[in-house]
Amino acid sequence: MNKSVNEEQMPFTMKNYITILVGMLVIFLGFVLMSGGGEHSVTAFDDTIFSFRRITLAPIVVVAGFVVVGVGIMKRFKGGSIN
């Protein structure tokens, strides 16, 4: 079968898959940024759970990751190679 015809029928190119993978890694990074801050004692309150990293930065990183995944799914890249 002709290579150009086969590439036209494929819904995603290699660039799409790489973009989706990068977006998934950014989402994972956002959840890692959210983690931690557990209580070490049941009687003492630790206010590090309300840090800038957990309340502001991590959700922004997660949403950015979802945007990157959406771009990877919706955008039609030309050609199948990474060049």
N, C-alpha and C. Protein backbone atom coordinates (compact mmCIF):
# COMPACT_ATOMS: atom_id res chain seq x y z
N MET A 1 0.84 -1.18 0.00
CA MET A 1 0.00 0.00 0.00
C MET A 1 0.89 1.24 0.00
N ASN A 2 0.43 2.28 -0.59
CA ASN A 2 1.19 3.52 -0.69
C ASN A 2 1.35 4.16 0.69
N LYS A 3 2.57 4.60 1.02
CA LYS A 3 2.85 5.14 2.36
C LYS A 3 2.08 6.42 2.62
N SER A 4 1.96 7.31 1.65
CA SER A 4 1.26 8.58 1.88
C SER A 4 -0.23 8.35 2.10
N VAL A 5 -0.81 7.37 1.43
CA VAL A 5 -2.23 7.07 1.63
C VAL A 5 -2.44 6.51 3.03
N ASN A 6 -1.53 5.65 3.48
CA ASN A 6 -1.64 5.06 4.81
C ASN A 6 -1.50 6.12 5.89
N GLU A 7 -0.59 7.09 5.72
CA GLU A 7 -0.42 8.15 6.71
C GLU A 7 -1.64 9.06 6.74
N GLU A 8 -2.31 9.26 5.63
CA GLU A 8 -3.50 10.10 5.59
C GLU A 8 -4.64 9.46 6.38
N GLN A 9 -4.68 8.14 6.46
CA GLN A 9 -5.77 7.45 7.14
C GLN A 9 -5.55 7.36 8.64
N MET A 10 -4.34 7.55 9.11
CA MET A 10 -4.04 7.45 10.53
C MET A 10 -4.56 8.70 11.25
N PRO A 11 -5.28 8.53 12.35
CA PRO A 11 -5.83 9.70 13.05
C PRO A 11 -4.76 10.51 13.78
N PHE A 12 -3.73 9.85 14.29
CA PHE A 12 -2.66 10.54 15.02
C PHE A 12 -1.32 10.27 14.37
N THR A 13 -0.46 11.27 14.43
CA THR A 13 0.92 11.09 13.99
C THR A 13 1.80 10.91 15.23
N MET A 14 3.08 10.70 15.00
CA MET A 14 4.01 10.54 16.12
C MET A 14 4.06 11.81 16.97
N LYS A 15 3.93 12.97 16.34
CA LYS A 15 3.93 14.23 17.10
C LYS A 15 2.73 14.32 18.03
N ASN A 16 1.59 13.79 17.60
CA ASN A 16 0.41 13.75 18.48
C ASN A 16 0.69 12.90 19.72
N TYR A 17 1.25 11.72 19.50
CA TYR A 17 1.53 10.84 20.63
C TYR A 17 2.54 11.45 21.58
N ILE A 18 3.55 12.10 21.05
CA ILE A 18 4.56 12.74 21.91
C ILE A 18 3.93 13.89 22.69
N THR A 19 3.07 14.68 22.05
CA THR A 19 2.39 15.78 22.74
C THR A 19 1.49 15.26 23.85
N ILE A 20 0.77 14.19 23.60
CA ILE A 20 -0.08 13.59 24.62
C ILE A 20 0.75 13.06 25.77
N LEU A 21 1.87 12.42 25.48
CA LEU A 21 2.75 11.90 26.52
C LEU A 21 3.33 13.02 27.38
N VAL A 22 3.75 14.11 26.74
CA VAL A 22 4.27 15.26 27.49
C VAL A 22 3.18 15.84 28.39
N GLY A 23 1.96 15.94 27.88
CA GLY A 23 0.86 16.43 28.69
C GLY A 23 0.57 15.53 29.89
N MET A 24 0.65 14.23 29.70
CA MET A 24 0.44 13.30 30.81
C MET A 24 1.54 13.44 31.85
N LEU A 25 2.76 13.66 31.41
CA LEU A 25 3.86 13.87 32.36
C LEU A 25 3.68 15.17 33.14
N VAL A 26 3.17 16.21 32.49
CA VAL A 26 2.91 17.49 33.18
C VAL A 26 1.80 17.30 34.21
N ILE A 27 0.76 16.53 33.87
CA ILE A 27 -0.31 16.24 34.82
C ILE A 27 0.25 15.48 36.02
N PHE A 28 1.08 14.50 35.77
CA PHE A 28 1.70 13.72 36.85
C PHE A 28 2.54 14.64 37.75
N LEU A 29 3.30 15.54 37.13
CA LEU A 29 4.11 16.49 37.89
C LEU A 29 3.22 17.37 38.78
N GLY A 30 2.08 17.80 38.26
CA GLY A 30 1.15 18.60 39.05
C GLY A 30 0.63 17.85 40.26
N PHE A 31 0.32 16.57 40.09
CA PHE A 31 -0.15 15.78 41.23
C PHE A 31 0.96 15.52 42.24
N VAL A 32 2.19 15.39 41.76
CA VAL A 32 3.32 15.25 42.68
C VAL A 32 3.50 16.53 43.49
N LEU A 33 3.33 17.68 42.83
CA LEU A 33 3.42 18.96 43.55
C LEU A 33 2.33 19.09 44.60
N MET A 34 1.17 18.49 44.36
CA MET A 34 0.07 18.55 45.33
C MET A 34 0.28 17.65 46.53
N SER A 35 1.10 16.63 46.39
CA SER A 35 1.22 15.62 47.43
C SER A 35 2.00 16.14 48.63
N GLY A 36 1.92 15.38 49.70
CA GLY A 36 2.64 15.71 50.92
C GLY A 36 1.83 16.56 51.86
N GLY A 37 2.47 17.03 52.91
CA GLY A 37 1.80 17.90 53.87
C GLY A 37 0.92 17.18 54.85
N GLY A 38 1.18 15.89 55.05
CA GLY A 38 0.37 15.13 56.00
C GLY A 38 0.72 15.47 57.43
N GLU A 39 -0.20 15.16 58.31
CA GLU A 39 0.00 15.43 59.74
C GLU A 39 0.96 14.39 60.32
N HIS A 40 1.88 14.88 61.14
CA HIS A 40 2.82 13.99 61.81
C HIS A 40 2.30 13.62 63.20
N SER A 41 1.40 14.41 63.71
CA SER A 41 0.82 14.17 65.02
C SER A 41 -0.68 14.44 64.93
N VAL A 42 -1.46 13.68 65.68
CA VAL A 42 -2.90 13.86 65.64
C VAL A 42 -3.34 15.07 66.47
N THR A 43 -2.47 15.57 67.34
CA THR A 43 -2.85 16.69 68.20
C THR A 43 -2.39 18.04 67.67
N ALA A 44 -1.41 18.05 66.77
CA ALA A 44 -0.86 19.31 66.27
C ALA A 44 -1.33 19.54 64.84
N PHE A 45 -1.62 20.81 64.52
CA PHE A 45 -2.04 21.16 63.17
C PHE A 45 -0.84 21.71 62.41
N ASP A 46 -0.63 21.20 61.21
CA ASP A 46 0.48 21.65 60.37
C ASP A 46 -0.10 22.44 59.20
N ASP A 47 0.21 23.73 59.12
CA ASP A 47 -0.39 24.57 58.09
C ASP A 47 0.38 24.56 56.77
N THR A 48 1.33 23.64 56.60
CA THR A 48 2.03 23.56 55.31
C THR A 48 1.13 23.04 54.20
N ILE A 49 -0.01 22.49 54.56
CA ILE A 49 -0.96 22.03 53.55
C ILE A 49 -1.49 23.20 52.72
N PHE A 50 -1.43 24.40 53.27
CA PHE A 50 -1.94 25.58 52.59
C PHE A 50 -0.84 26.39 51.92
N SER A 51 0.22 25.74 51.50
CA SER A 51 1.34 26.45 50.87
C SER A 51 0.97 26.85 49.43
N PHE A 52 1.72 27.80 48.90
CA PHE A 52 1.51 28.26 47.52
C PHE A 52 1.63 27.12 46.53
N ARG A 53 2.58 26.24 46.77
CA ARG A 53 2.81 25.12 45.85
C ARG A 53 1.59 24.22 45.74
N ARG A 54 0.96 23.91 46.86
CA ARG A 54 -0.18 22.98 46.85
C ARG A 54 -1.50 23.63 46.45
N ILE A 55 -1.68 24.89 46.81
CA ILE A 55 -2.97 25.54 46.58
C ILE A 55 -3.04 26.23 45.22
N THR A 56 -1.93 26.78 44.75
CA THR A 56 -1.96 27.58 43.52
C THR A 56 -1.19 26.93 42.38
N LEU A 57 0.07 26.62 42.62
CA LEU A 57 0.95 26.15 41.55
C LEU A 57 0.52 24.79 40.99
N ALA A 58 0.27 23.84 41.86
CA ALA A 58 -0.07 22.49 41.41
C ALA A 58 -1.35 22.44 40.56
N PRO A 59 -2.45 23.09 40.96
CA PRO A 59 -3.63 23.06 40.08
C PRO A 59 -3.39 23.72 38.72
N ILE A 60 -2.59 24.79 38.69
CA ILE A 60 -2.28 25.43 37.41
C ILE A 60 -1.49 24.47 36.52
N VAL A 61 -0.54 23.74 37.11
CA VAL A 61 0.26 22.78 36.34
C VAL A 61 -0.63 21.65 35.82
N VAL A 62 -1.56 21.17 36.63
CA VAL A 62 -2.46 20.10 36.20
C VAL A 62 -3.35 20.56 35.05
N VAL A 63 -3.93 21.74 35.18
CA VAL A 63 -4.79 22.26 34.11
C VAL A 63 -3.98 22.47 32.83
N ALA A 64 -2.74 22.97 32.96
CA ALA A 64 -1.87 23.13 31.78
C ALA A 64 -1.60 21.78 31.13
N GLY A 65 -1.42 20.75 31.93
CA GLY A 65 -1.22 19.41 31.37
C GLY A 65 -2.43 18.92 30.60
N PHE A 66 -3.63 19.19 31.13
CA PHE A 66 -4.84 18.80 30.40
C PHE A 66 -4.98 19.58 29.10
N VAL A 67 -4.56 20.83 29.10
CA VAL A 67 -4.59 21.62 27.86
C VAL A 67 -3.63 21.03 26.84
N VAL A 68 -2.44 20.63 27.27
CA VAL A 68 -1.46 20.04 26.35
C VAL A 68 -1.99 18.72 25.79
N VAL A 69 -2.63 17.90 26.62
CA VAL A 69 -3.22 16.65 26.13
C VAL A 69 -4.32 16.96 25.11
N GLY A 70 -5.14 17.95 25.39
CA GLY A 70 -6.20 18.34 24.45
C GLY A 70 -5.64 18.80 23.12
N VAL A 71 -4.56 19.56 23.17
CA VAL A 71 -3.91 19.99 21.91
C VAL A 71 -3.37 18.77 21.17
N GLY A 72 -2.79 17.84 21.91
CA GLY A 72 -2.26 16.63 21.27
C GLY A 72 -3.33 15.80 20.60
N ILE A 73 -4.54 15.83 21.15
CA ILE A 73 -5.64 15.07 20.56
C ILE A 73 -6.27 15.82 19.40
N MET A 74 -6.45 17.13 19.54
CA MET A 74 -7.22 17.89 18.56
C MET A 74 -6.41 18.39 17.36
N LYS A 75 -5.13 18.70 17.56
CA LYS A 75 -4.34 19.31 16.48
C LYS A 75 -3.95 18.26 15.45
N ARG A 76 -4.03 18.64 14.22
CA ARG A 76 -3.63 17.77 13.11
C ARG A 76 -2.24 18.18 12.66
N PHE A 77 -1.23 17.42 13.05
CA PHE A 77 0.14 17.69 12.65
C PHE A 77 0.37 17.14 11.25
N LYS A 78 1.18 17.83 10.47
CA LYS A 78 1.50 17.39 9.12
C LYS A 78 2.64 16.39 9.16
N GLY A 79 2.47 15.28 8.49
CA GLY A 79 3.52 14.28 8.40
C GLY A 79 3.61 13.41 9.63
N GLY A 80 4.17 12.23 9.46
CA GLY A 80 4.25 11.29 10.56
C GLY A 80 5.58 11.29 11.28
N SER A 81 6.58 11.95 10.73
CA SER A 81 7.88 11.91 11.37
C SER A 81 8.03 13.05 12.37
N ILE A 82 9.03 12.95 13.21
CA ILE A 82 9.27 13.92 14.26
C ILE A 82 10.07 15.10 13.74
N ASN A 83 10.62 15.03 12.57
CA ASN A 83 11.51 16.07 12.02
C ASN A 83 10.92 17.43 12.11
